[in-house]
């Protein structure tokens, strides 16, 4: 029973531990910042256009990853997502 309690305590400690972000998370934050700086106001961007135009993207970046980054920016209310004829576009929010 004591061993079990010890294990439960260890698990709880692990679950609440402050972790530093992974290398990928740090890279994603940098990319999101670069995306916001590169997007022109009043212009709609598709994921494909961003991959072609934004030179700071790593050469192996996938449309799925760009889409995931954009979704995070939408959740943070930094970008607006618009759908036109089943194609998704993103527009930077002007503050």
Protein backbone atom coordinates (compact mmCIF):
# COMPACT_ATOMS: atom_id res chain seq x y z
CA UNK A 1 0.00 0.00 0.00
CA UNK A 2 2.84 2.38 0.84
CA UNK A 3 4.53 1.64 -2.47
CA UNK A 4 1.26 2.44 -4.26
CA UNK A 5 0.92 5.76 -2.39
CA UNK A 6 4.49 6.61 -3.32
CA UNK A 7 3.76 5.90 -6.97
CA UNK A 8 0.59 8.02 -6.86
CA UNK A 9 2.55 10.90 -5.33
CA UNK A 10 5.22 10.62 -8.02
CA UNK A 11 2.55 10.68 -10.73
CA UNK A 12 0.87 13.74 -9.25
CA UNK A 13 4.23 15.50 -9.01
CA UNK A 14 4.93 14.70 -12.65
CA UNK A 15 1.51 15.88 -13.79
CA UNK A 16 1.83 19.28 -12.13
CA UNK A 17 5.53 19.86 -12.87
CA UNK A 18 6.45 23.00 -14.78
CA UNK A 19 7.97 21.84 -18.04
CA UNK A 20 9.98 23.96 -20.35
CA UNK A 21 8.58 23.95 -23.90
CA UNK A 22 10.00 21.43 -26.36
CA UNK A 23 12.22 22.56 -29.23
CA UNK A 24 9.26 22.10 -31.59
CA UNK A 25 7.02 24.28 -29.41
CA UNK A 26 9.64 27.03 -29.32
CA UNK A 27 10.03 26.79 -33.11
CA UNK A 28 6.23 26.96 -33.55
CA UNK A 29 6.00 30.12 -31.44
CA UNK A 30 8.72 31.74 -33.56
CA UNK A 31 6.95 30.68 -36.77
CA UNK A 32 3.62 32.05 -35.54
CA UNK A 33 5.26 35.41 -34.76
CA UNK A 34 6.89 35.47 -38.22
CA UNK A 35 3.57 34.62 -39.90
CA UNK A 36 1.85 37.53 -38.15
CA UNK A 37 4.63 39.91 -39.18
CA UNK A 38 4.61 38.69 -42.79
CA UNK A 39 0.86 38.82 -43.36
CA UNK A 40 -0.34 42.00 -45.04
CA UNK A 41 -3.53 43.56 -43.71
CA UNK A 42 -6.70 43.24 -45.80
CA UNK A 43 -5.34 40.27 -47.72
CA UNK A 44 -6.64 36.71 -47.65
CA UNK A 45 -4.00 33.98 -47.62
CA UNK A 46 -4.45 30.30 -48.38
CA UNK A 47 -2.11 27.79 -46.76
CA UNK A 48 -0.55 27.07 -50.16
CA UNK A 49 0.16 30.75 -50.81
CA UNK A 50 1.81 31.08 -47.40
CA UNK A 51 4.07 28.09 -48.03
CA UNK A 52 5.12 29.57 -51.40
CA UNK A 53 5.56 33.18 -50.24
CA UNK A 54 6.90 33.05 -46.69
CA UNK A 55 10.63 32.40 -47.05
CA UNK A 56 11.17 31.82 -43.31
CA UNK A 57 9.32 28.47 -43.39
CA UNK A 58 11.61 25.44 -43.20
CA UNK A 59 11.83 23.72 -46.59
CA UNK A 60 10.18 20.56 -45.22
CA UNK A 61 7.12 22.30 -43.75
CA UNK A 62 3.81 20.57 -44.51
CA UNK A 63 0.43 22.15 -45.27
CA UNK A 64 -0.93 20.28 -42.21
CA UNK A 65 1.59 21.98 -39.94
CA UNK A 66 0.92 25.44 -41.40
CA UNK A 67 -2.80 24.81 -40.99
CA UNK A 68 -2.28 23.78 -37.35
CA UNK A 69 -0.24 26.95 -36.68
CA UNK A 70 -2.95 29.06 -38.29
CA UNK A 71 -5.63 27.35 -36.19
CA UNK A 72 -3.66 28.27 -33.05
CA UNK A 73 -3.54 31.88 -34.25
CA UNK A 74 -7.32 31.81 -34.86
CA UNK A 75 -7.88 30.50 -31.32
CA UNK A 76 -5.65 33.33 -30.02
CA UNK A 77 -7.84 35.76 -32.02
CA UNK A 78 -4.82 37.06 -33.97
CA UNK A 79 -6.13 35.78 -37.34
CA UNK A 80 -9.57 35.35 -38.89
CA UNK A 81 -10.45 32.15 -40.77
CA UNK A 82 -12.73 32.51 -43.78
CA UNK A 83 -14.13 29.83 -46.05
CA UNK A 84 -14.99 30.65 -49.67
CA UNK A 85 -16.25 27.92 -52.02
CA UNK A 86 -14.83 25.25 -49.68
CA UNK A 87 -11.37 26.86 -49.72
CA UNK A 88 -9.97 28.18 -46.46
CA UNK A 89 -8.32 31.58 -46.21
CA UNK A 90 -6.77 33.45 -43.31
CA UNK A 91 -6.64 37.17 -42.68
CA UNK A 92 -4.64 38.98 -40.01
CA UNK A 93 -6.68 40.81 -37.34
CA UNK A 94 -5.92 44.52 -37.27
CA UNK A 95 -5.71 45.85 -33.73
